[in-house]
């Protein structure tokens, strides 16, 4: 994985850890999950979702549609 794929440093440690424990360590994995799925993870809250949404948008990507 290169630096461009790594999650943003501004994301809190708890949210980063929660994502990593669920196999989400880069932006590609985020596009496979919906906001609701991520919010259901303990440690991932609205602020983390906002940061990730903005980072994905800057890359022309988005979260998966709700299932």
N, C-alpha and C. Protein backbone atom coordinates (compact mmCIF):
# COMPACT_ATOMS: atom_id res chain seq x y z
N UNK A 1 0.86 -1.18 0.00
CA UNK A 1 0.00 0.00 0.00
C UNK A 1 0.90 1.23 0.00
N UNK A 2 0.52 2.22 -0.80
CA UNK A 2 1.33 3.44 -0.80
C UNK A 2 0.61 4.53 -0.01
N UNK A 3 1.29 5.65 0.17
CA UNK A 3 0.73 6.72 0.99
C UNK A 3 -0.61 7.23 0.48
N UNK A 4 -0.83 7.19 -0.83
CA UNK A 4 -2.07 7.67 -1.41
C UNK A 4 -3.25 6.80 -1.02
N UNK A 5 -3.00 5.56 -0.65
CA UNK A 5 -4.06 4.63 -0.28
C UNK A 5 -4.36 4.64 1.21
N UNK A 6 -3.45 5.17 2.02
CA UNK A 6 -3.62 5.12 3.47
C UNK A 6 -4.70 6.09 3.91
N UNK A 7 -5.39 5.71 4.97
CA UNK A 7 -6.44 6.57 5.52
C UNK A 7 -5.84 7.85 6.06
N UNK A 8 -6.61 8.94 6.08
CA UNK A 8 -6.07 10.24 6.48
C UNK A 8 -5.58 10.28 7.93
N UNK A 9 -4.51 11.03 8.13
CA UNK A 9 -3.93 11.18 9.47
C UNK A 9 -4.90 11.89 10.41
N UNK A 10 -5.80 12.71 9.89
CA UNK A 10 -6.75 13.44 10.70
C UNK A 10 -7.85 12.58 11.29
N UNK A 11 -7.92 11.34 10.84
CA UNK A 11 -8.90 10.41 11.38
C UNK A 11 -8.43 9.98 12.76
N UNK A 12 -9.31 9.93 13.72
CA UNK A 12 -8.92 9.57 15.07
C UNK A 12 -8.33 8.17 15.17
N UNK A 13 -7.54 7.95 16.19
CA UNK A 13 -6.90 6.64 16.39
C UNK A 13 -7.92 5.54 16.62
N UNK A 14 -8.97 5.85 17.38
CA UNK A 14 -9.98 4.84 17.68
C UNK A 14 -10.70 4.42 16.39
N UNK A 15 -11.07 5.39 15.56
CA UNK A 15 -11.75 5.09 14.30
C UNK A 15 -10.82 4.33 13.36
N UNK A 16 -9.57 4.74 13.28
CA UNK A 16 -8.60 4.07 12.42
C UNK A 16 -8.42 2.62 12.85
N UNK A 17 -8.34 2.40 14.16
CA UNK A 17 -8.19 1.05 14.69
C UNK A 17 -9.43 0.21 14.40
N UNK A 18 -10.62 0.79 14.59
CA UNK A 18 -11.86 0.06 14.34
C UNK A 18 -11.95 -0.35 12.87
N UNK A 19 -11.58 0.55 11.99
CA UNK A 19 -11.60 0.22 10.56
C UNK A 19 -10.60 -0.89 10.25
N UNK A 20 -9.39 -0.76 10.77
CA UNK A 20 -8.35 -1.77 10.51
C UNK A 20 -8.77 -3.14 11.02
N UNK A 21 -9.40 -3.20 12.18
CA UNK A 21 -9.85 -4.47 12.73
C UNK A 21 -10.90 -5.14 11.85
N UNK A 22 -11.54 -4.33 11.01
CA UNK A 22 -12.55 -4.85 10.10
C UNK A 22 -12.04 -4.92 8.66
N UNK A 23 -10.72 -4.90 8.51
CA UNK A 23 -10.10 -5.07 7.20
C UNK A 23 -10.12 -3.86 6.30
N UNK A 24 -10.40 -2.70 6.87
CA UNK A 24 -10.47 -1.47 6.07
C UNK A 24 -9.23 -0.64 6.38
N UNK A 25 -8.28 -0.69 5.46
CA UNK A 25 -7.03 0.04 5.68
C UNK A 25 -6.74 1.04 4.57
N UNK A 26 -7.61 1.12 3.59
CA UNK A 26 -7.40 2.04 2.48
C UNK A 26 -8.71 2.48 1.87
N UNK A 27 -8.63 3.39 0.93
CA UNK A 27 -9.83 3.96 0.32
C UNK A 27 -10.62 2.96 -0.50
N UNK A 28 -9.94 2.03 -1.16
CA UNK A 28 -10.65 1.03 -1.97
C UNK A 28 -11.62 0.23 -1.11
N UNK A 29 -11.22 -0.13 0.08
CA UNK A 29 -12.08 -0.89 0.97
C UNK A 29 -13.27 -0.05 1.44
N UNK A 30 -13.10 1.25 1.55
CA UNK A 30 -14.20 2.12 1.97
C UNK A 30 -15.31 2.15 0.94
N UNK A 31 -14.95 2.06 -0.34
CA UNK A 31 -15.95 2.14 -1.40
C UNK A 31 -16.83 0.89 -1.43
N UNK A 32 -16.44 -0.14 -0.70
CA UNK A 32 -17.21 -1.38 -0.65
C UNK A 32 -18.18 -1.41 0.53
N UNK A 33 -18.15 -0.37 1.37
CA UNK A 33 -19.01 -0.31 2.56
C UNK A 33 -19.88 0.94 2.51
N UNK A 34 -21.06 0.85 3.06
CA UNK A 34 -21.95 2.02 3.15
C UNK A 34 -21.62 2.81 4.42
N UNK A 35 -22.10 4.04 4.47
CA UNK A 35 -21.91 4.86 5.67
C UNK A 35 -22.52 4.16 6.88
N UNK A 36 -23.69 3.59 6.70
CA UNK A 36 -24.37 2.91 7.80
C UNK A 36 -23.57 1.74 8.35
N UNK A 37 -22.95 0.98 7.46
CA UNK A 37 -22.13 -0.15 7.90
C UNK A 37 -20.95 0.34 8.72
N UNK A 38 -20.35 1.44 8.27
CA UNK A 38 -19.19 1.97 8.99
C UNK A 38 -19.60 2.58 10.33
N UNK A 39 -20.73 3.27 10.35
CA UNK A 39 -21.21 3.86 11.61
C UNK A 39 -21.55 2.79 12.64
N UNK A 40 -21.87 1.60 12.18
CA UNK A 40 -22.21 0.50 13.09
C UNK A 40 -20.97 -0.03 13.81
N UNK A 41 -19.78 0.31 13.33
CA UNK A 41 -18.55 -0.14 13.97
C UNK A 41 -18.28 0.70 15.21
N UNK A 42 -18.01 0.05 16.32
CA UNK A 42 -17.70 0.77 17.55
C UNK A 42 -16.43 1.58 17.34
N UNK A 43 -16.51 2.89 17.54
CA UNK A 43 -15.35 3.76 17.37
C UNK A 43 -15.41 4.63 16.13
N UNK A 44 -16.36 4.34 15.24
CA UNK A 44 -16.52 5.13 14.02
C UNK A 44 -17.78 5.97 14.19
N UNK A 45 -17.60 7.28 14.24
CA UNK A 45 -18.73 8.18 14.44
C UNK A 45 -18.91 9.14 13.29
N UNK A 46 -19.84 10.08 13.44
CA UNK A 46 -20.15 11.04 12.38
C UNK A 46 -18.94 11.86 11.91
N UNK A 47 -18.06 12.23 12.82
CA UNK A 47 -16.89 13.01 12.42
C UNK A 47 -15.98 12.19 11.51
N UNK A 48 -15.76 10.94 11.85
CA UNK A 48 -14.92 10.07 11.01
C UNK A 48 -15.56 9.89 9.64
N UNK A 49 -16.88 9.70 9.60
CA UNK A 49 -17.59 9.53 8.33
C UNK A 49 -17.43 10.79 7.48
N UNK A 50 -17.56 11.96 8.10
CA UNK A 50 -17.42 13.22 7.36
C UNK A 50 -16.03 13.34 6.75
N UNK A 51 -15.00 13.05 7.54
CA UNK A 51 -13.62 13.12 7.05
C UNK A 51 -13.42 12.14 5.90
N UNK A 52 -13.89 10.92 6.07
CA UNK A 52 -13.72 9.90 5.03
C UNK A 52 -14.52 10.25 3.77
N UNK A 53 -15.74 10.78 3.94
CA UNK A 53 -16.55 11.18 2.79
C UNK A 53 -15.84 12.26 1.98
N UNK A 54 -15.27 13.25 2.68
CA UNK A 54 -14.56 14.33 2.00
C UNK A 54 -13.32 13.80 1.26
N UNK A 55 -12.60 12.90 1.89
CA UNK A 55 -11.41 12.33 1.26
C UNK A 55 -11.78 11.49 0.04
N UNK A 56 -12.85 10.71 0.15
CA UNK A 56 -13.30 9.92 -0.99
C UNK A 56 -13.74 10.83 -2.13
N UNK A 57 -14.50 11.89 -1.81
CA UNK A 57 -14.97 12.82 -2.84
C UNK A 57 -13.80 13.47 -3.57
N UNK A 58 -12.75 13.80 -2.83
CA UNK A 58 -11.57 14.41 -3.44
C UNK A 58 -10.91 13.46 -4.44
N UNK A 59 -11.16 12.17 -4.28
CA UNK A 59 -10.60 11.14 -5.17
C UNK A 59 -11.62 10.70 -6.23
N UNK A 60 -12.79 11.35 -6.24
CA UNK A 60 -13.82 10.97 -7.19
C UNK A 60 -14.50 9.66 -6.84
N UNK A 61 -14.49 9.30 -5.54
CA UNK A 61 -15.08 8.05 -5.09
C UNK A 61 -16.15 8.35 -4.04
N UNK A 62 -16.87 7.31 -3.65
CA UNK A 62 -17.88 7.47 -2.60
C UNK A 62 -18.06 6.13 -1.89
N UNK A 63 -18.77 6.19 -0.77
CA UNK A 63 -19.13 4.98 -0.05
C UNK A 63 -20.07 4.16 -0.92
N UNK A 64 -20.22 2.89 -0.63
CA UNK A 64 -21.17 2.04 -1.34
C UNK A 64 -22.59 2.48 -0.98
N UNK A 65 -23.51 2.18 -1.87
CA UNK A 65 -24.93 2.47 -1.60
C UNK A 65 -25.40 1.59 -0.44
N UNK A 66 -26.34 2.08 0.36
CA UNK A 66 -26.87 1.26 1.46
C UNK A 66 -27.45 -0.05 0.92
N UNK A 67 -27.25 -1.12 1.70
CA UNK A 67 -27.75 -2.44 1.27
C UNK A 67 -29.05 -2.74 1.93
